[in-house]
Amino acid sequence: MKWKILGLVIVFLVGSIIYSLQPNTYPEFVISDNFEVDKKSNVIIFGATRNTGLEVAKIILNSGGKVTAVVRPTSNTEDIQSIGANIITGDALDKASVENAFSQSNYSAVVTTIGCYRCDPKPDYLGNKNIFDVAQNAGVKRVILVSTIGAGDSYDTIPSLVKRTLKDVLPLKTKAENYLRDSLLDFTIIRPGGLRSEPATMNGYLSKSNKAFGVINREDLAILIVKTLDDDNTIGHTLSAIDSELVFPWAYIF
C-alpha cells in the first residue's frame, strides 16, 4: 500500500512540475480600462451569497449600481444582505421561481455563477438553462455565464487529476455553454481556472485561448466579470480567466 501511495505522490509531483513549466501567460483579450458601472445598471445575480458572485455584487453596489440576488431558501444571506443587495428567494432549478425573480424589475443584465459538485440534481446545466430561457423571454439580453476551464473545447487543457475531480460537472457546464451559444442572448462565457479566496492581485486577465490554464483569485475574477458586463466587444466570446503571476498547483501550496 505504501508503495502505491508513494507512486501516486510521485505522479502528482511530476505532473505538477510539467504543468508549472508550461507558459502561464496567453494572448490577452483586452477589455476597457475606463469601465465604470452605470448608475442605472440593475443586475440580477444567481449565486451571489458567497464567493465570486458576492464579490461581483460588492463591486457593482460600491460603484452605484443595483443588484438583485436570487437566493435559495436554505442559503445564508447575511453577507449579501449586509452590502445592500435586494434579495429574492428562488431556486434556479425551479423555473417558476426564476420567472418570479425576473418579473420583479427591468434588469439590465444577468450574471450566473451557479454550480455545485455535491448537489443532486446539479444546477450547472438545468439551472442555467432555466435562467437563459427566462431571461430571453423577459427581454434581458445581456448574460454573463461563469463556467470553468475544462468545459467544452478546453477539456484537454486541464490535468488528469482535475478531470477526475470535475468529471460529474464538466459535461453539464459544457451543455450550459452550448445552450447559451445557441440562444438569442448577448452572452459572454467566462471560464476561470483554479480559484482562490485571496485578496485581488490585479494581475487577472482574460484570454480567448482554449489552452489557457492557471489560477485566479475570486476578487480578480469578479473585477473581470464586472468590466465585461458593459463591454460589447466581449459579446459572443468564450474567455478564460487566469492570473499572470499564479502558477498551478504551486499557488495553492505557497
Protein backbone atom coordinates (compact mmCIF):
# COMPACT_ATOMS: atom_id res chain seq x y z
CA MET A 1 0.00 0.00 0.00
CA LYS A 2 2.79 2.44 0.94
CA TRP A 3 4.43 1.91 -2.47
CA LYS A 4 1.14 2.66 -4.19
CA ILE A 5 0.76 5.87 -2.19
CA LEU A 6 4.37 6.83 -2.94
CA GLY A 7 3.75 6.18 -6.63
CA LEU A 8 0.69 8.45 -6.62
CA VAL A 9 2.67 11.19 -4.91
CA ILE A 10 5.45 10.89 -7.48
CA VAL A 11 2.95 11.03 -10.35
CA PHE A 12 1.33 14.13 -8.82
CA LEU A 13 4.69 15.87 -8.37
CA VAL A 14 5.89 15.04 -11.88
CA GLY A 15 2.58 16.20 -13.36
CA SER A 16 2.72 19.38 -11.32
CA ILE A 17 6.24 20.16 -12.49
CA ILE A 18 5.22 19.61 -16.11
CA TYR A 19 2.27 21.96 -15.76
CA SER A 20 4.33 24.57 -13.95
CA LEU A 21 6.81 24.58 -16.84
CA GLN A 22 4.09 25.39 -19.36
CA PRO A 23 3.54 29.04 -20.33
CA ASN A 24 1.42 30.85 -17.77
CA THR A 25 0.68 33.83 -20.00
CA TYR A 26 -1.53 33.66 -23.06
CA PRO A 27 -2.80 36.18 -25.65
CA GLU A 28 -4.85 38.71 -23.70
CA PHE A 29 -8.38 39.70 -24.68
CA VAL A 30 -8.31 43.42 -23.95
CA ILE A 31 -11.34 44.93 -22.24
CA SER A 32 -11.99 48.57 -21.47
CA ASP A 33 -9.73 50.17 -18.85
CA ASN A 34 -12.19 53.02 -18.44
CA PHE A 35 -15.08 50.89 -17.28
CA GLU A 36 -17.37 52.41 -14.69
CA VAL A 37 -20.63 50.83 -13.63
CA ASP A 38 -23.52 52.88 -14.96
CA LYS A 39 -25.59 54.05 -12.02
CA LYS A 40 -28.67 52.93 -13.94
CA SER A 41 -27.41 49.35 -14.11
CA ASN A 42 -29.68 46.82 -12.50
CA VAL A 43 -28.05 43.40 -12.45
CA ILE A 44 -29.70 40.18 -11.32
CA ILE A 45 -27.22 37.64 -9.96
CA PHE A 46 -27.69 33.93 -9.39
CA GLY A 47 -25.09 32.62 -6.94
CA ALA A 48 -24.42 35.86 -5.06
CA THR A 49 -24.45 34.70 -1.44
CA ARG A 50 -20.74 33.85 -1.40
CA ASN A 51 -17.51 33.54 -3.37
CA THR A 52 -17.36 35.09 -6.85
CA GLY A 53 -21.00 36.15 -7.05
CA LEU A 54 -20.74 38.03 -3.76
CA GLU A 55 -17.60 39.83 -4.95
CA VAL A 56 -19.37 40.85 -8.17
CA ALA A 57 -22.27 42.25 -6.15
CA LYS A 58 -19.89 44.25 -3.95
CA ILE A 59 -18.21 45.90 -6.93
CA ILE A 60 -21.46 46.84 -8.64
CA LEU A 61 -23.04 48.21 -5.47
CA ASN A 62 -19.91 50.13 -4.49
CA SER A 63 -19.93 51.71 -7.96
CA GLY A 64 -23.51 52.94 -7.63
CA GLY A 65 -25.28 50.15 -9.48
CA LYS A 66 -28.15 47.99 -8.30
CA VAL A 67 -28.04 44.29 -7.55
CA THR A 68 -30.80 41.76 -7.05
CA ALA A 69 -29.60 38.43 -5.66
CA VAL A 70 -31.73 35.33 -6.20
CA VAL A 71 -31.04 33.05 -3.25
CA ARG A 72 -32.28 29.62 -2.27
CA PRO A 73 -34.45 29.37 0.86
CA THR A 74 -31.69 27.48 2.68
CA SER A 75 -28.89 29.90 1.80
CA ASN A 76 -27.15 32.10 4.35
CA THR A 77 -28.00 35.63 3.17
CA GLU A 78 -26.19 37.56 5.90
CA ASP A 79 -23.26 38.71 3.72
CA ILE A 80 -25.27 39.65 0.64
CA GLN A 81 -27.86 41.50 2.71
CA SER A 82 -25.18 43.41 4.61
CA ILE A 83 -23.91 45.08 1.43
CA GLY A 84 -27.35 46.36 0.40
CA ALA A 85 -28.43 43.98 -2.34
CA ASN A 86 -32.10 43.33 -3.00
CA ILE A 87 -32.96 39.74 -2.07
CA ILE A 88 -35.44 37.47 -3.85
CA THR A 89 -35.94 33.91 -2.68
CA GLY A 90 -35.83 31.40 -5.51
CA ASP A 91 -34.09 28.38 -6.95
CA ALA A 92 -32.64 28.18 -10.45
CA LEU A 93 -33.89 24.59 -10.70
CA ASP A 94 -37.45 25.86 -10.16
CA LYS A 95 -38.36 27.71 -13.34
CA ALA A 96 -41.43 29.32 -11.79
CA SER A 97 -39.32 30.97 -9.11
CA VAL A 98 -36.87 32.18 -11.77
CA GLU A 99 -39.79 33.71 -13.67
CA ASN A 100 -40.95 35.38 -10.47
CA ALA A 101 -37.49 36.87 -9.91
CA PHE A 102 -37.32 38.32 -13.42
CA SER A 103 -40.81 39.77 -13.09
CA GLN A 104 -39.75 41.96 -10.15
CA SER A 105 -37.81 44.56 -12.16
CA ASN A 106 -36.44 45.60 -15.56
CA TYR A 107 -32.94 44.21 -15.29
CA SER A 108 -30.07 45.38 -17.46
CA ALA A 109 -28.10 42.14 -17.25
CA VAL A 110 -27.88 38.76 -15.57
CA VAL A 111 -24.81 37.11 -14.07
CA THR A 112 -24.88 33.44 -13.15
CA THR A 113 -22.13 31.76 -11.16
CA ILE A 114 -24.18 28.76 -10.04
CA GLY A 115 -22.69 25.32 -9.80
CA CYS A 116 -22.47 22.54 -7.24
CA TYR A 117 -20.28 19.44 -7.07
CA ARG A 118 -22.27 17.63 -4.39
CA CYS A 119 -25.85 18.65 -5.22
CA ASP A 120 -28.38 16.22 -6.65
CA PRO A 121 -29.69 17.34 -9.03
CA LYS A 122 -26.87 19.65 -10.02
CA PRO A 123 -27.82 23.14 -11.27
CA ASP A 124 -24.89 23.55 -13.66
CA TYR A 125 -26.99 22.81 -16.74
CA LEU A 126 -30.68 22.71 -15.80
CA GLY A 127 -30.48 25.73 -13.50
CA ASN A 128 -28.61 27.79 -16.05
CA LYS A 129 -30.95 26.66 -18.82
CA ASN A 130 -33.90 28.00 -16.82
CA ILE A 131 -32.10 31.30 -16.30
CA PHE A 132 -31.31 31.66 -20.01
CA ASP A 133 -34.84 30.78 -21.12
CA VAL A 134 -36.50 33.16 -18.69
CA ALA A 135 -34.01 35.97 -19.41
CA GLN A 136 -34.73 35.67 -23.13
CA ASN A 137 -38.49 35.71 -22.57
CA ALA A 138 -38.14 38.71 -20.25
CA GLY A 139 -36.09 40.66 -22.76
CA VAL A 140 -32.92 40.70 -20.66
CA LYS A 141 -30.39 40.11 -23.39
CA ARG A 142 -27.04 40.61 -21.63
CA VAL A 143 -25.88 37.45 -19.88
CA ILE A 144 -22.59 36.54 -18.24
CA LEU A 145 -22.11 32.83 -17.56
CA VAL A 146 -19.28 31.83 -15.24
CA SER A 147 -18.25 28.33 -16.30
CA THR A 148 -14.83 26.73 -15.81
CA ILE A 149 -11.66 25.92 -17.71
CA GLY A 150 -12.14 22.28 -18.65
CA ALA A 151 -15.59 22.75 -20.16
CA GLY A 152 -16.13 22.39 -23.89
CA ASP A 153 -13.07 22.80 -26.09
CA SER A 154 -10.82 23.46 -23.09
CA TYR A 155 -11.21 19.92 -21.72
CA ASP A 156 -7.78 18.73 -22.85
CA THR A 157 -6.17 21.74 -21.16
CA ILE A 158 -6.72 20.60 -17.58
CA PRO A 159 -4.67 17.99 -15.67
CA SER A 160 -5.99 14.47 -15.28
CA LEU A 161 -6.49 14.97 -11.55
CA VAL A 162 -8.77 17.96 -12.23
CA LYS A 163 -10.65 15.97 -14.87
CA ARG A 164 -11.38 13.27 -12.31
CA THR A 165 -12.42 15.81 -9.69
CA LEU A 166 -14.82 17.58 -12.05
CA LYS A 167 -15.96 14.55 -14.04
CA ASP A 168 -19.61 14.93 -13.00
CA VAL A 169 -19.94 18.66 -13.64
CA LEU A 170 -17.83 19.29 -16.76
CA PRO A 171 -20.38 17.69 -19.13
CA LEU A 172 -23.14 19.79 -17.52
CA LYS A 173 -21.14 23.01 -17.80
CA THR A 174 -20.40 22.17 -21.43
CA LYS A 175 -24.12 21.69 -22.12
CA ALA A 176 -24.90 25.02 -20.45
CA GLU A 177 -22.29 26.80 -22.56
CA ASN A 178 -23.61 25.26 -25.78
CA TYR A 179 -27.21 26.07 -24.89
CA LEU A 180 -26.30 29.70 -24.26
CA ARG A 181 -24.40 29.95 -27.54
CA ASP A 182 -27.48 28.70 -29.40
CA SER A 183 -29.73 31.30 -27.75
CA LEU A 184 -30.52 34.81 -28.95
CA LEU A 185 -28.86 36.36 -25.90
CA ASP A 186 -25.90 38.73 -25.86
CA PHE A 187 -23.70 36.36 -23.91
CA THR A 188 -20.17 36.20 -22.64
CA ILE A 189 -18.88 32.94 -21.18
CA ILE A 190 -16.04 33.30 -18.68
CA ARG A 191 -14.05 30.21 -17.73
CA PRO A 192 -11.91 30.76 -14.64
CA GLY A 193 -9.01 28.49 -13.78
CA GLY A 194 -8.43 27.25 -10.27
CA LEU A 195 -10.00 29.64 -7.76
CA ARG A 196 -8.56 31.05 -4.53
CA SER A 197 -10.25 33.19 -1.89
CA GLU A 198 -7.40 35.65 -1.52
CA PRO A 199 -7.21 39.45 -1.96
CA ALA A 200 -7.05 40.72 -5.53
CA THR A 201 -3.59 40.80 -7.09
CA MET A 202 -4.79 42.93 -10.04
CA ASN A 203 -2.94 40.53 -12.35
CA GLY A 204 -6.05 38.72 -13.59
CA TYR A 205 -6.78 38.80 -17.31
CA LEU A 206 -8.97 37.21 -19.98
CA SER A 207 -7.81 35.18 -22.97
CA LYS A 208 -9.57 33.65 -25.96
CA SER A 209 -7.09 30.78 -25.95
CA ASN A 210 -8.69 27.45 -25.11
CA LYS A 211 -5.22 26.33 -23.99
CA ALA A 212 -5.08 28.87 -21.17
CA PHE A 213 -4.81 27.29 -17.75
CA GLY A 214 -3.87 28.64 -14.37
CA VAL A 215 -5.20 30.07 -11.13
CA ILE A 216 -7.09 33.26 -10.27
CA ASN A 217 -8.35 34.84 -7.06
CA ARG A 218 -12.10 35.31 -6.81
CA GLU A 219 -11.79 39.07 -6.29
CA ASP A 220 -9.80 39.38 -9.53
CA LEU A 221 -12.34 37.22 -11.35
CA ALA A 222 -15.15 39.46 -10.09
CA ILE A 223 -13.35 42.55 -11.40
CA LEU A 224 -13.08 40.95 -14.85
CA ILE A 225 -16.77 39.95 -14.81
CA VAL A 226 -17.92 43.47 -13.96
CA LYS A 227 -15.65 45.01 -16.60
CA THR A 228 -17.07 42.55 -19.13
CA LEU A 229 -20.69 43.48 -18.41
CA ASP A 230 -20.85 46.68 -20.44
CA ASP A 231 -18.07 45.91 -22.92
CA ASP A 232 -19.87 45.00 -26.14
CA ASN A 233 -16.61 43.68 -27.59
CA THR A 234 -16.92 40.68 -25.27
CA ILE A 235 -20.34 39.64 -26.59
CA GLY A 236 -20.31 36.24 -28.24
CA HIS A 237 -16.93 35.26 -26.82
CA THR A 238 -15.78 32.46 -24.54
CA LEU A 239 -12.89 33.72 -22.42
CA SER A 240 -10.57 32.05 -19.95
CA ALA A 241 -9.75 33.96 -16.75
CA ILE A 242 -6.38 33.44 -15.08
CA ASP A 243 -3.69 35.34 -13.20
CA SER A 244 -0.37 36.02 -14.93
CA GLU A 245 1.56 35.50 -11.68
CA LEU A 246 -0.18 32.45 -10.19
CA VAL A 247 1.01 29.03 -11.33
CA PHE A 248 -0.88 25.77 -10.78
CA PRO A 249 -0.54 23.95 -8.40
CA TRP A 250 2.08 25.96 -6.51
CA ALA A 251 -0.34 28.85 -5.94
CA TYR A 252 -2.24 26.56 -3.55
CA ILE A 253 0.87 25.44 -1.69
CA PHE A 254 2.99 28.53 -1.12
